């Protein structure tokens, strides 16, 4: 049986010890609170989308386990078009319900869109994302983490480099002269907006910087870009620039004055078409006749 402490000195010592213990406990709690809130979670530590690096391909996206993610040039309109019995199993869709982006990537660039058969699929900057599952021994098995074997297959499958500002698209395009629809593979910018060639730039190569100015430049704004980052199917040596007077163009293609560098591909200056309304995948300017000079989607 416990006995009460009658000694005044012992009671004072006991009370003092208890007070000291409470003070130490209080300080410990405050310290823990400070430590727990002083440093936020590292985005790279919790990210379920990663960025890997290759000596030949540069940076590219992977899932949390390091499996490479790909985009398909035929998905330029933002919808999964890999629906055939041969394409579907070889390119499984990637889906993450809630993307946590690492440093350097914006979570708002990721979204979810259903495939034509109703499966959710993660998109990046409007491009549906896939894995690559090469056929091995009659069965399709997803490639191992760290591999990029799906890159450049058919010239229309590529790893997803967040820095790409020139890409390849592929879709059926209507010829505005003959109204014949045919499949075309062509260049687009980083937002999926179609790029064009001007026939006059071929027939009058020495005057390229002045071949489309004034009203022409309002309808066909130049692509002002000096450092292209493109998929491996496009050789960087095929890109160059010409120097031209930048016309004032308001709207989605920006405002610009003074001397600027316009990007060229294989000697062709690259342009937009205002009639596409800066909408990804639109190609209303193909084979458009402008007073005898035609415009074409920028087909490699």
C-alpha atoms as a PDB file:
ATOM      1  CA  UNK A   1       0.000   0.000   0.000  1.00  0.00           C
ATOM      2  CA  UNK A   2       1.231   3.443  -0.931  1.00  0.00           C
ATOM      3  CA  UNK A   3       1.728   5.842   1.953  1.00  0.00           C
ATOM      4  CA  UNK A   4       1.235   9.568   1.750  1.00  0.00           C
ATOM      5  CA  UNK A   5       4.345  11.730   1.917  1.00  0.00           C
ATOM      6  CA  UNK A   6       4.192  13.743   5.135  1.00  0.00           C
ATOM      7  CA  UNK A   7       7.714  15.142   5.024  1.00  0.00           C
ATOM      8  CA  UNK A   8       7.473  18.771   3.763  1.00  0.00           C
ATOM      9  CA  UNK A   9      10.924  18.599   2.159  1.00  0.00           C
ATOM     10  CA  UNK A  10       9.995  15.494   0.218  1.00  0.00           C
ATOM     11  CA  UNK A  11       6.720  17.055  -0.911  1.00  0.00           C
ATOM     12  CA  UNK A  12       8.595  20.136  -2.163  1.00  0.00           C
ATOM     13  CA  UNK A  13      11.186  18.013  -3.965  1.00  0.00           C
ATOM     14  CA  UNK A  14       8.453  15.893  -5.587  1.00  0.00           C
ATOM     15  CA  UNK A  15       6.569  18.964  -6.799  1.00  0.00           C
ATOM     16  CA  UNK A  16       9.748  20.490  -8.184  1.00  0.00           C
ATOM     17  CA  UNK A  17      10.634  17.303 -10.037  1.00  0.00           C
ATOM     18  CA  UNK A  18       7.146  17.131 -11.561  1.00  0.00           C
ATOM     19  CA  UNK A  19       7.329  20.741 -12.726  1.00  0.00           C
ATOM     20  CA  UNK A  20      10.731  20.164 -14.307  1.00  0.00           C
ATOM     21  CA  UNK A  21       9.388  17.096 -16.145  1.00  0.00           C
ATOM     22  CA  UNK A  22       6.426  19.053 -17.506  1.00  0.00           C
ATOM     23  CA  UNK A  23       8.683  21.856 -18.745  1.00  0.00           C
ATOM     24  CA  UNK A  24      10.962  19.402 -20.523  1.00  0.00           C
ATOM     25  CA  UNK A  25       7.947  17.661 -22.091  1.00  0.00           C
ATOM     26  CA  UNK A  26       6.562  21.026 -23.268  1.00  0.00           C
ATOM     27  CA  UNK A  27       9.878  22.005 -24.860  1.00  0.00           C
ATOM     28  CA  UNK A  28      10.098  18.638 -26.604  1.00  0.00           C
ATOM     29  CA  UNK A  29       6.610  18.991 -28.093  1.00  0.00           C
ATOM     30  CA  UNK A  30       7.352  22.531 -29.341  1.00  0.00           C
ATOM     31  CA  UNK A  31      10.638  21.379 -30.830  1.00  0.00           C
ATOM     32  CA  UNK A  32       8.954  18.492 -32.655  1.00  0.00           C
ATOM     33  CA  UNK A  33       6.304  20.785 -34.052  1.00  0.00           C
ATOM     34  CA  UNK A  34       8.951  23.149 -35.371  1.00  0.00           C
ATOM     35  CA  UNK A  35      10.918  20.310 -36.963  1.00  0.00           C
ATOM     36  CA  UNK A  36       7.819  18.833 -38.608  1.00  0.00           C
ATOM     37  CA  UNK A  37       6.825  22.090 -40.243  1.00  0.00           C
ATOM     38  CA  UNK A  38      10.198  23.636 -40.988  1.00  0.00           C
ATOM     39  CA  UNK A  39      10.864  21.672 -44.213  1.00  0.00           C
ATOM     40  CA  UNK A  40       8.061  20.758 -46.670  1.00  0.00           C
ATOM     41  CA  UNK A  41       8.004  17.376 -48.406  1.00  0.00           C
ATOM     42  CA  UNK A  42      10.498  17.085 -51.227  1.00  0.00           C
ATOM     43  CA  UNK A  43       8.468  16.918 -54.508  1.00  0.00           C
ATOM     44  CA  UNK A  44      11.002  14.486 -55.981  1.00  0.00           C
ATOM     45  CA  UNK A  45      10.580  12.106 -53.034  1.00  0.00           C
ATOM     46  CA  UNK A  46       6.792  11.802 -53.414  1.00  0.00           C
ATOM     47  CA  UNK A  47       6.598  12.125 -57.230  1.00  0.00           C
ATOM     48  CA  UNK A  48       4.911   9.251 -59.068  1.00  0.00           C
ATOM     49  CA  UNK A  49       6.099  10.581 -62.438  1.00  0.00           C
ATOM     50  CA  UNK A  50       9.861  10.730 -62.864  1.00  0.00           C
ATOM     51  CA  UNK A  51      12.311  12.318 -65.296  1.00  0.00           C
ATOM     52  CA  UNK A  52      15.103  10.081 -66.589  1.00  0.00           C
ATOM     53  CA  UNK A  53      18.043  11.139 -68.742  1.00  0.00           C
ATOM     54  CA  UNK A  54      19.636   9.503 -71.769  1.00  0.00           C
ATOM     55  CA  UNK A  55      22.854  10.541 -73.488  1.00  0.00           C
ATOM     56  CA  UNK A  56      21.100  10.286 -76.876  1.00  0.00           C
ATOM     57  CA  UNK A  57      17.480  11.221 -76.054  1.00  0.00           C
ATOM     58  CA  UNK A  58      17.937  13.798 -73.317  1.00  0.00           C
ATOM     59  CA  UNK A  59      15.305  13.952 -70.569  1.00  0.00           C
ATOM     60  CA  UNK A  60      12.179  11.818 -70.784  1.00  0.00           C
ATOM     61  CA  UNK A  61       9.237  10.856 -68.582  1.00  0.00           C
ATOM     62  CA  UNK A  62       8.859   7.553 -66.754  1.00  0.00           C
ATOM     63  CA  UNK A  63       6.414   6.176 -64.238  1.00  0.00           C
ATOM     64  CA  UNK A  64       7.318   5.826 -60.559  1.00  0.00           C
ATOM     65  CA  UNK A  65       9.173   2.568 -61.248  1.00  0.00           C
ATOM     66  CA  UNK A  66      11.273   3.921 -64.111  1.00  0.00           C
ATOM     67  CA  UNK A  67       9.198   2.486 -66.978  1.00  0.00           C
ATOM     68  CA  UNK A  68       9.507   4.782 -70.018  1.00  0.00           C
ATOM     69  CA  UNK A  69       6.419   6.671 -71.209  1.00  0.00           C
ATOM     70  CA  UNK A  70       5.711   7.410 -74.888  1.00  0.00           C
ATOM     71  CA  UNK A  71       3.495   9.560 -77.101  1.00  0.00           C
ATOM     72  CA  UNK A  72       1.932   8.621 -80.450  1.00  0.00           C
ATOM     73  CA  UNK A  73       2.041  11.111 -83.341  1.00  0.00           C
ATOM     74  CA  UNK A  74      -1.450  10.061 -84.465  1.00  0.00           C
ATOM     75  CA  UNK A  75      -2.909  11.252 -81.165  1.00  0.00           C
ATOM     76  CA  UNK A  76      -2.403  14.899 -82.179  1.00  0.00           C
ATOM     77  CA  UNK A  77      -6.073  15.678 -81.542  1.00  0.00           C
ATOM     78  CA  UNK A  78      -5.653  14.543 -77.928  1.00  0.00           C
ATOM     79  CA  UNK A  79      -7.482  11.211 -78.218  1.00  0.00           C
ATOM     80  CA  UNK A  80      -6.043   7.696 -78.082  1.00  0.00           C
ATOM     81  CA  UNK A  81      -5.987   6.344 -81.657  1.00  0.00           C
ATOM     82  CA  UNK A  82      -4.042   3.172 -80.813  1.00  0.00           C
ATOM     83  CA  UNK A  83      -7.166   1.036 -80.879  1.00  0.00           C
ATOM     84  CA  UNK A  84      -6.408  -1.783 -83.321  1.00  0.00           C
ATOM     85  CA  UNK A  85      -5.896  -5.393 -82.244  1.00  0.00           C
ATOM     86  CA  UNK A  86      -2.184  -5.099 -83.023  1.00  0.00           C
ATOM     87  CA  UNK A  87      -1.523  -1.622 -81.613  1.00  0.00           C
ATOM     88  CA  UNK A  88      -3.463  -1.847 -78.370  1.00  0.00           C
ATOM     89  CA  UNK A  89      -1.568  -4.722 -76.681  1.00  0.00           C
ATOM     90  CA  UNK A  90       1.842  -3.469 -77.828  1.00  0.00           C
ATOM     91  CA  UNK A  91       1.261   0.001 -76.368  1.00  0.00           C
ATOM     92  CA  UNK A  92      -0.553  -0.322 -73.007  1.00  0.00           C
ATOM     93  CA  UNK A  93      -2.046   2.894 -71.691  1.00  0.00           C
ATOM     94  CA  UNK A  94      -0.464   4.640 -68.720  1.00  0.00           C
ATOM     95  CA  UNK A  95      -2.813   5.862 -66.007  1.00  0.00           C
ATOM     96  CA  UNK A  96      -2.116   7.507 -62.673  1.00  0.00           C
ATOM     97  CA  UNK A  97      -5.212   8.662 -60.793  1.00  0.00           C
ATOM     98  CA  UNK A  98      -3.412  11.553 -59.105  1.00  0.00           C
ATOM     99  CA  UNK A  99      -0.148  12.682 -60.644  1.00  0.00           C
ATOM    100  CA  UNK A 100       2.467  14.057 -58.268  1.00  0.00           C
ATOM    101  CA  UNK A 101       4.995  15.874 -60.428  1.00  0.00           C
ATOM    102  CA  UNK A 102       8.695  16.232 -59.573  1.00  0.00           C
ATOM    103  CA  UNK A 103      10.576  19.511 -59.554  1.00  0.00           C
ATOM    104  CA  UNK A 104      10.632  21.144 -62.970  1.00  0.00           C
ATOM    105  CA  UNK A 105       7.285  19.726 -64.124  1.00  0.00           C
ATOM    106  CA  UNK A 106       3.839  21.285 -63.729  1.00  0.00           C
ATOM    107  CA  UNK A 107       1.129  19.030 -62.359  1.00  0.00           C
ATOM    108  CA  UNK A 108      -1.392  21.046 -64.403  1.00  0.00           C
ATOM    109  CA  UNK A 109       0.189  19.692 -67.610  1.00  0.00           C
ATOM    110  CA  UNK A 110      -1.168  16.252 -66.666  1.00  0.00           C
ATOM    111  CA  UNK A 111      -4.800  15.281 -67.085  1.00  0.00           C
ATOM    112  CA  UNK A 112      -6.986  12.224 -67.599  1.00  0.00           C
ATOM    113  CA  UNK A 113      -8.946  11.331 -70.720  1.00  0.00           C
ATOM    114  CA  UNK A 114     -10.847   8.147 -71.469  1.00  0.00           C
ATOM    115  CA  UNK A 115      -9.840   5.943 -74.373  1.00  0.00           C
ATOM    116  CA  UNK A 116     -12.487   5.154 -77.019  1.00  0.00           C
ATOM    117  CA  UNK A 117     -13.289   1.934 -75.135  1.00  0.00           C
ATOM    118  CA  UNK A 118     -13.740   3.791 -71.832  1.00  0.00           C
ATOM    119  CA  UNK A 119     -10.435   3.245 -70.005  1.00  0.00           C
ATOM    120  CA  UNK A 120      -8.866   6.205 -68.180  1.00  0.00           C
ATOM    121  CA  UNK A 121      -5.498   7.329 -69.547  1.00  0.00           C
ATOM    122  CA  UNK A 122      -3.115   9.993 -68.310  1.00  0.00           C
ATOM    123  CA  UNK A 123      -2.184  12.746 -70.767  1.00  0.00           C
ATOM    124  CA  UNK A 124       0.736  15.170 -70.774  1.00  0.00           C
ATOM    125  CA  UNK A 125       0.337  18.510 -72.535  1.00  0.00           C
ATOM    126  CA  UNK A 126      -2.582  16.961 -74.390  1.00  0.00           C
ATOM    127  CA  UNK A 127      -0.728  13.800 -75.503  1.00  0.00           C
ATOM    128  CA  UNK A 128      -2.055  10.436 -74.213  1.00  0.00           C
ATOM    129  CA  UNK A 129       0.760   8.455 -72.549  1.00  0.00           C
ATOM    130  CA  UNK A 130       1.712   4.822 -73.201  1.00  0.00           C
ATOM    131  CA  UNK A 131       4.111   2.074 -72.220  1.00  0.00           C
ATOM    132  CA  UNK A 132       5.894  -0.075 -74.790  1.00  0.00           C
ATOM    133  CA  UNK A 133       5.360  -3.842 -74.648  1.00  0.00           C
ATOM    134  CA  UNK A 134       7.376  -5.548 -77.422  1.00  0.00           C
ATOM    135  CA  UNK A 135       6.158  -8.937 -78.608  1.00  0.00           C
ATOM    136  CA  UNK A 136       8.451 -11.604 -77.148  1.00  0.00           C
ATOM    137  CA  UNK A 137       7.804 -15.276 -77.699  1.00  0.00           C
ATOM    138  CA  UNK A 138       4.276 -14.613 -78.840  1.00  0.00           C
ATOM    139  CA  UNK A 139       3.333 -12.661 -75.712  1.00  0.00           C
ATOM    140  CA  UNK A 140       3.556  -8.917 -75.153  1.00  0.00           C
ATOM    141  CA  UNK A 141       5.549  -7.986 -72.065  1.00  0.00           C
ATOM    142  CA  UNK A 142       6.207  -4.408 -70.953  1.00  0.00           C
ATOM    143  CA  UNK A 143       9.837  -3.441 -71.400  1.00  0.00           C
ATOM    144  CA  UNK A 144      11.985  -3.265 -68.279  1.00  0.00           C
ATOM    145  CA  UNK A 145      12.580   0.005 -66.437  1.00  0.00           C
ATOM    146  CA  UNK A 146      15.328   2.117 -67.968  1.00  0.00           C
ATOM    147  CA  UNK A 147      14.798   0.828 -71.521  1.00  0.00           C
ATOM    148  CA  UNK A 148      13.641   3.066 -74.407  1.00  0.00           C
ATOM    149  CA  UNK A 149      13.093   0.445 -77.108  1.00  0.00           C
ATOM    150  CA  UNK A 150       9.838   2.027 -78.256  1.00  0.00           C
ATOM    151  CA  UNK A 151      11.437   5.302 -79.279  1.00  0.00           C
ATOM    152  CA  UNK A 152      11.248   6.200 -83.001  1.00  0.00           C
ATOM    153  CA  UNK A 153       9.292   3.071 -83.958  1.00  0.00           C
ATOM    154  CA  UNK A 154       7.648   3.860 -87.275  1.00  0.00           C
ATOM    155  CA  UNK A 155       8.917   7.417 -86.865  1.00  0.00           C
ATOM    156  CA  UNK A 156       5.711   8.169 -84.953  1.00  0.00           C
ATOM    157  CA  UNK A 157       6.335   6.801 -81.450  1.00  0.00           C
ATOM    158  CA  UNK A 158       8.697   8.732 -79.186  1.00  0.00           C
ATOM    159  CA  UNK A 159       9.730   9.210 -75.591  1.00  0.00           C
ATOM    160  CA  UNK A 160       8.201  12.249 -73.907  1.00  0.00           C
ATOM    161  CA  UNK A 161      10.775  14.979 -73.395  1.00  0.00           C
ATOM    162  CA  UNK A 162       9.180  17.851 -71.429  1.00  0.00           C
ATOM    163  CA  UNK A 163      11.353  20.313 -73.379  1.00  0.00           C
ATOM    164  CA  UNK A 164      10.113  19.340 -76.862  1.00  0.00           C
ATOM    165  CA  UNK A 165       9.078  22.480 -78.767  1.00  0.00           C
ATOM    166  CA  UNK A 166       8.865  20.873 -82.217  1.00  0.00           C
ATOM    167  CA  UNK A 167       7.137  17.494 -82.568  1.00  0.00           C
ATOM    168  CA  UNK A 168       5.667  15.170 -85.166  1.00  0.00           C
ATOM    169  CA  UNK A 169       1.945  14.724 -85.769  1.00  0.00           C
ATOM    170  CA  UNK A 170       0.144  12.349 -88.118  1.00  0.00           C
ATOM    171  CA  UNK A 171      -3.477  12.481 -89.234  1.00  0.00           C
ATOM    172  CA  UNK A 172      -5.819  12.667 -92.209  1.00  0.00           C
ATOM    173  CA  UNK A 173      -5.656  16.121 -93.784  1.00  0.00           C
ATOM    174  CA  UNK A 174      -7.915  17.628 -96.451  1.00  0.00           C
ATOM    175  CA  UNK A 175      -6.333  19.199 -99.532  1.00  0.00           C
ATOM    176  CA  UNK A 176      -8.066  22.585 -99.772  1.00  0.00           C
ATOM    177  CA  UNK A 177      -7.693  22.623-103.581  1.00  0.00           C
ATOM    178  CA  UNK A 178      -8.831  19.110-104.512  1.00  0.00           C
ATOM    179  CA  UNK A 179     -10.703  18.332-101.262  1.00  0.00           C
ATOM    180  CA  UNK A 180      -9.030  14.925-101.250  1.00  0.00           C
ATOM    181  CA  UNK A 181      -8.298  13.617 -97.760  1.00  0.00           C
ATOM    182  CA  UNK A 182      -5.025  11.768 -97.192  1.00  0.00           C
ATOM    183  CA  UNK A 183      -2.786  10.821 -94.300  1.00  0.00           C
ATOM    184  CA  UNK A 184       0.029  13.277 -93.578  1.00  0.00           C
ATOM    185  CA  UNK A 185       2.869  13.334 -91.080  1.00  0.00           C
ATOM    186  CA  UNK A 186       3.941  16.881 -90.312  1.00  0.00           C
ATOM    187  CA  UNK A 187       5.583  19.206 -87.806  1.00  0.00           C
ATOM    188  CA  UNK A 188       3.761  20.856 -84.920  1.00  0.00           C
ATOM    189  CA  UNK A 189       4.983  23.123 -82.135  1.00  0.00           C
ATOM    190  CA  UNK A 190       5.124  22.225 -78.449  1.00  0.00           C
ATOM    191  CA  UNK A 191       1.402  22.944 -78.069  1.00  0.00           C
ATOM    192  CA  UNK A 192       0.425  20.728 -81.006  1.00  0.00           C
ATOM    193  CA  UNK A 193      -0.238  23.629 -83.405  1.00  0.00           C
ATOM    194  CA  UNK A 194       0.388  22.794 -87.057  1.00  0.00           C
ATOM    195  CA  UNK A 195       3.397  24.256 -88.888  1.00  0.00           C
ATOM    196  CA  UNK A 196       3.453  25.071 -92.616  1.00  0.00           C
ATOM    197  CA  UNK A 197       5.741  25.572 -95.621  1.00  0.00           C
ATOM    198  CA  UNK A 198       5.273  28.391 -98.160  1.00  0.00           C
ATOM    199  CA  UNK A 199       5.815  27.399-101.818  1.00  0.00           C
ATOM    200  CA  UNK A 200       7.221  30.852-102.634  1.00  0.00           C
ATOM    201  CA  UNK A 201      10.099  30.211-100.234  1.00  0.00           C
ATOM    202  CA  UNK A 202      11.165  27.366-102.536  1.00  0.00           C
ATOM    203  CA  UNK A 203      10.761  29.251-105.809  1.00  0.00           C
ATOM    204  CA  UNK A 204      12.393  32.414-104.407  1.00  0.00           C
ATOM    205  CA  UNK A 205      14.918  31.140-101.827  1.00  0.00           C
ATOM    206  CA  UNK A 206      17.067  34.293-101.811  1.00  0.00           C
ATOM    207  CA  UNK A 207      14.172  36.459-100.629  1.00  0.00           C
ATOM    208  CA  UNK A 208      12.777  34.151 -97.949  1.00  0.00           C
ATOM    209  CA  UNK A 209      12.879  36.783 -95.143  1.00  0.00           C
ATOM    210  CA  UNK A 210      10.562  39.044 -97.166  1.00  0.00           C
ATOM    211  CA  UNK A 211       8.382  36.482 -98.965  1.00  0.00           C
ATOM    212  CA  UNK A 212       5.605  36.746 -96.375  1.00  0.00           C
ATOM    213  CA  UNK A 213       5.271  40.153 -94.718  1.00  0.00           C
ATOM    214  CA  UNK A 214       2.484  42.639 -94.020  1.00  0.00           C
ATOM    215  CA  UNK A 215      -0.961  41.116 -94.509  1.00  0.00           C
ATOM    216  CA  UNK A 216       0.596  37.769 -95.379  1.00  0.00           C
ATOM    217  CA  UNK A 217       2.373  37.641 -92.010  1.00  0.00           C
ATOM    218  CA  UNK A 218      -0.893  38.380 -90.235  1.00  0.00           C
ATOM    219  CA  UNK A 219      -2.531  35.324 -91.811  1.00  0.00           C
ATOM    220  CA  UNK A 220       0.623  33.183 -91.738  1.00  0.00           C
ATOM    221  CA  UNK A 221       2.597  34.134 -88.597  1.00  0.00           C
ATOM    222  CA  UNK A 222       6.199  32.981 -88.534  1.00  0.00           C
ATOM    223  CA  UNK A 223       7.488  30.483 -85.999  1.00  0.00           C
ATOM    224  CA  UNK A 224      10.038  32.519 -84.064  1.00  0.00           C
ATOM    225  CA  UNK A 225      12.281  29.910 -82.493  1.00  0.00           C
ATOM    226  CA  UNK A 226      16.051  29.675 -82.533  1.00  0.00           C
ATOM    227  CA  UNK A 227      16.728  26.536 -80.453  1.00  0.00           C
ATOM    228  CA  UNK A 228      14.558  23.555 -81.412  1.00  0.00           C
ATOM    229  CA  UNK A 229      14.216  20.521 -79.156  1.00  0.00           C
ATOM    230  CA  UNK A 230      12.689  17.688 -81.171  1.00  0.00           C
ATOM    231  CA  UNK A 231      12.189  13.895 -81.122  1.00  0.00           C
ATOM    232  CA  UNK A 232      15.044  11.732 -82.386  1.00  0.00           C
ATOM    233  CA  UNK A 233      13.284  11.079 -85.722  1.00  0.00           C
ATOM    234  CA  UNK A 234      14.026  14.717 -86.572  1.00  0.00           C
ATOM    235  CA  UNK A 235      17.721  15.525 -87.012  1.00  0.00           C
ATOM    236  CA  UNK A 236      18.854  18.701 -85.291  1.00  0.00           C
ATOM    237  CA  UNK A 237      21.161  19.375 -88.264  1.00  0.00           C
ATOM    238  CA  UNK A 238      18.077  19.813 -90.470  1.00  0.00           C
ATOM    239  CA  UNK A 239      17.039  22.878 -88.471  1.00  0.00           C
ATOM    240  CA  UNK A 240      18.420  26.381 -88.984  1.00  0.00           C
ATOM    241  CA  UNK A 241      17.153  29.962 -88.824  1.00  0.00           C
ATOM    242  CA  UNK A 242      16.722  32.976 -91.056  1.00  0.00           C
ATOM    243  CA  UNK A 243      16.685  36.561 -89.785  1.00  0.00           C
ATOM    244  CA  UNK A 244      13.642  38.638 -90.673  1.00  0.00           C
ATOM    245  CA  UNK A 245      11.731  41.683 -89.563  1.00  0.00           C
ATOM    246  CA  UNK A 246       9.126  40.475 -87.106  1.00  0.00           C
ATOM    247  CA  UNK A 247       5.663  41.786 -87.888  1.00  0.00           C
ATOM    248  CA  UNK A 248       3.316  42.841 -85.120  1.00  0.00           C
ATOM    249  CA  UNK A 249       0.928  39.933 -84.642  1.00  0.00           C
ATOM    250  CA  UNK A 250      -1.573  40.051 -81.820  1.00  0.00           C
ATOM    251  CA  UNK A 251      -3.341  36.995 -80.497  1.00  0.00           C
ATOM    252  CA  UNK A 252      -2.222  33.446 -79.688  1.00  0.00           C
ATOM    253  CA  UNK A 253       0.999  33.669 -81.713  1.00  0.00           C
ATOM    254  CA  UNK A 254       2.257  36.604 -79.684  1.00  0.00           C
ATOM    255  CA  UNK A 255       3.366  40.151 -80.309  1.00  0.00           C
ATOM    256  CA  UNK A 256       6.739  40.810 -81.846  1.00  0.00           C
ATOM    257  CA  UNK A 257       8.639  43.670 -83.407  1.00  0.00           C
ATOM    258  CA  UNK A 258      12.201  44.155 -84.562  1.00  0.00           C
ATOM    259  CA  UNK A 259      14.567  41.549 -85.969  1.00  0.00           C
ATOM    260  CA  UNK A 260      13.850  37.946 -85.026  1.00  0.00           C
ATOM    261  CA  UNK A 261      15.018  34.467 -85.970  1.00  0.00           C
ATOM    262  CA  UNK A 262      12.503  32.300 -87.803  1.00  0.00           C
ATOM    263  CA  UNK A 263      13.031  28.551 -87.589  1.00  0.00           C
ATOM    264  CA  UNK A 264      13.571  26.596 -90.809  1.00  0.00           C
ATOM    265  CA  UNK A 265      13.485  22.862 -91.468  1.00  0.00           C
ATOM    266  CA  UNK A 266      15.502  21.489 -94.397  1.00  0.00           C
ATOM    267  CA  UNK A 267      15.640  25.040 -95.723  1.00  0.00           C
ATOM    268  CA  UNK A 268      11.892  25.684 -95.391  1.00  0.00           C
ATOM    269  CA  UNK A 269      10.862  28.574 -93.093  1.00  0.00           C
ATOM    270  CA  UNK A 270       8.092  27.451 -90.736  1.00  0.00           C
ATOM    271  CA  UNK A 271       4.774  29.267 -90.257  1.00  0.00           C
ATOM    272  CA  UNK A 272       1.431  28.985 -88.505  1.00  0.00           C
ATOM    273  CA  UNK A 273      -1.981  29.541 -90.123  1.00  0.00           C
ATOM    274  CA  UNK A 274      -4.320  31.972 -88.352  1.00  0.00           C
ATOM    275  CA  UNK A 275      -7.296  30.000 -89.671  1.00  0.00           C
ATOM    276  CA  UNK A 276      -6.339  27.106 -87.371  1.00  0.00           C
ATOM    277  CA  UNK A 277      -7.284  29.328 -84.394  1.00  0.00           C
ATOM    278  CA  UNK A 278      -4.184  28.119 -82.529  1.00  0.00           C
ATOM    279  CA  UNK A 279      -5.956  24.793 -81.938  1.00  0.00           C
ATOM    280  CA  UNK A 280      -3.861  21.644 -81.659  1.00  0.00           C
ATOM    281  CA  UNK A 281      -4.226  19.285 -84.602  1.00  0.00           C
ATOM    282  CA  UNK A 282      -6.059  21.731 -86.874  1.00  0.00           C
ATOM    283  CA  UNK A 283      -4.576  21.801 -90.379  1.00  0.00           C
ATOM    284  CA  UNK A 284      -6.962  23.984 -92.372  1.00  0.00           C
ATOM    285  CA  UNK A 285      -4.159  25.655 -94.317  1.00  0.00           C
ATOM    286  CA  UNK A 286      -2.934  22.591 -96.217  1.00  0.00           C
ATOM    287  CA  UNK A 287      -2.683  23.210 -99.992  1.00  0.00           C
ATOM    288  CA  UNK A 288      -4.222  26.634 -99.456  1.00  0.00           C
ATOM    289  CA  UNK A 289      -3.807  28.840-102.546  1.00  0.00           C
ATOM    290  CA  UNK A 290      -2.816  32.399-101.643  1.00  0.00           C
ATOM    291  CA  UNK A 291      -2.806  34.434-104.894  1.00  0.00           C
ATOM    292  CA  UNK A 292      -1.065  31.693-106.795  1.00  0.00           C
ATOM    293  CA  UNK A 293       1.342  30.687-104.018  1.00  0.00           C
ATOM    294  CA  UNK A 294       0.438  27.586-102.070  1.00  0.00           C
ATOM    295  CA  UNK A 295       0.913  26.557 -98.475  1.00  0.00           C
ATOM    296  CA  UNK A 296       1.447  23.024 -97.205  1.00  0.00           C
ATOM    297  CA  UNK A 297       1.680  21.281 -93.858  1.00  0.00           C
ATOM    298  CA  UNK A 298       5.371  20.977 -92.999  1.00  0.00           C
ATOM    299  CA  UNK A 299       5.895  17.341 -93.928  1.00  0.00           C
ATOM    300  CA  UNK A 300       9.402  16.001 -93.246  1.00  0.00           C
END
